[in-house]
Amino acid sequence: MRLSQDKKDKIAEQILSYLYHEFPNQPFTAMIAREMARDEDFIKKIMFELKEKGLVIPIRKNAKGEVFTRRIKWRISQKVYDVYKSKE
């Protein structure tokens, strides 16, 4: 089953909204997928598309500076945060 670009854009908007409300927490891809009730690989694909647009930033290291081997945390970029903040 293929989703239209319009539906993918709406899912991306939901993800950005979720990341804004979770700020300053940085959820893993699996947590985002669980919240959106979507497949983790599908969410990962959308997250990388958002990264290419400069809307999200991947976090590949933990607080101690150790690299995550198989997981990625995500946070919204500063410009997206400012847009959401101005709408409140």
Protein backbone atom coordinates (compact mmCIF):
# COMPACT_ATOMS: atom_id res chain seq x y z
CA MET A 1 0.00 0.00 0.00
CA ARG A 2 1.39 3.38 -0.99
CA LEU A 3 0.65 6.63 0.77
CA SER A 4 0.17 9.87 -1.08
CA GLN A 5 2.63 12.68 -0.53
CA ASP A 6 -0.14 14.66 1.16
CA LYS A 7 -0.59 11.94 3.79
CA LYS A 8 3.18 11.68 4.31
CA ASP A 9 3.31 15.45 4.84
CA LYS A 10 0.55 15.23 7.44
CA ILE A 11 2.40 12.45 9.27
CA ALA A 12 5.57 14.57 9.15
CA GLU A 13 3.63 17.49 10.69
CA GLN A 14 2.41 15.20 13.46
CA ILE A 15 5.98 14.08 14.12
CA LEU A 16 7.22 17.67 14.33
CA SER A 17 4.38 18.55 16.70
CA TYR A 18 5.21 15.54 18.87
CA LEU A 19 8.90 16.50 18.99
CA TYR A 20 7.96 20.06 19.95
CA HIS A 21 5.77 18.86 22.82
CA GLU A 22 8.48 16.44 23.99
CA PHE A 23 11.16 19.17 23.96
CA PRO A 24 13.76 19.10 25.60
CA ASN A 25 13.44 15.29 25.61
CA GLN A 26 14.93 13.60 22.57
CA PRO A 27 12.91 10.46 21.75
CA PHE A 28 14.28 7.49 19.84
CA THR A 29 12.81 6.55 16.47
CA ALA A 30 10.97 3.62 18.08
CA MET A 31 9.26 5.92 20.57
CA ILE A 32 8.11 8.22 17.78
CA ALA A 33 6.81 5.26 15.77
CA ARG A 34 4.91 3.97 18.80
CA GLU A 35 3.35 7.40 19.40
CA MET A 36 2.33 7.75 15.73
CA ALA A 37 1.13 4.11 15.56
CA ARG A 38 3.29 3.53 12.48
CA ASP A 39 5.99 1.13 11.39
CA GLU A 40 9.44 2.03 12.69
CA ASP A 41 11.09 1.76 9.25
CA PHE A 42 8.47 4.07 7.74
CA ILE A 43 9.02 6.65 10.49
CA LYS A 44 12.79 6.35 10.06
CA LYS A 45 12.41 7.10 6.35
CA ILE A 46 10.31 10.18 7.10
CA MET A 47 12.77 11.32 9.76
CA PHE A 48 15.64 11.23 7.27
CA GLU A 49 13.52 13.21 4.78
CA LEU A 50 12.90 15.81 7.51
CA LYS A 51 16.62 15.83 8.26
CA GLU A 52 17.39 16.59 4.62
CA LYS A 53 15.02 19.57 4.82
CA GLY A 54 16.74 20.79 7.99
CA LEU A 55 13.67 20.34 10.19
CA VAL A 56 15.04 17.73 12.61
CA ILE A 57 18.47 16.94 13.99
CA PRO A 58 19.66 13.38 14.66
CA ILE A 59 21.40 12.72 17.97
CA ARG A 60 23.84 9.83 17.62
CA LYS A 61 25.63 10.08 20.98
CA ASN A 62 24.44 9.70 24.55
CA ALA A 63 25.13 12.15 27.37
CA LYS A 64 28.51 10.50 28.04
CA GLY A 65 29.60 10.99 24.43
CA GLU A 66 29.30 7.32 23.51
CA VAL A 67 27.94 6.63 20.03
CA PHE A 68 24.64 4.77 19.75
CA THR A 69 25.34 1.69 17.66
CA ARG A 70 21.85 0.99 16.33
CA ARG A 71 19.54 3.77 17.46
CA ILE A 72 19.05 7.46 16.80
CA LYS A 73 17.43 10.10 18.97
CA TRP A 74 15.76 13.08 17.33
CA ARG A 75 15.07 16.71 18.16
CA ILE A 76 13.55 19.54 16.17
CA SER A 77 15.78 22.24 14.74
CA GLN A 78 15.86 25.68 16.29
CA LYS A 79 13.95 27.29 13.42
CA VAL A 80 11.08 24.79 13.75
CA TYR A 81 11.02 25.29 17.51
CA ASP A 82 10.79 29.06 17.02
CA VAL A 83 7.88 28.67 14.56
CA TYR A 84 5.92 26.47 16.98
CA LYS A 85 6.76 28.77 19.90
CA SER A 86 5.45 31.82 18.03
CA LYS A 87 2.11 30.10 17.35
CA GLU A 88 1.37 29.56 21.04
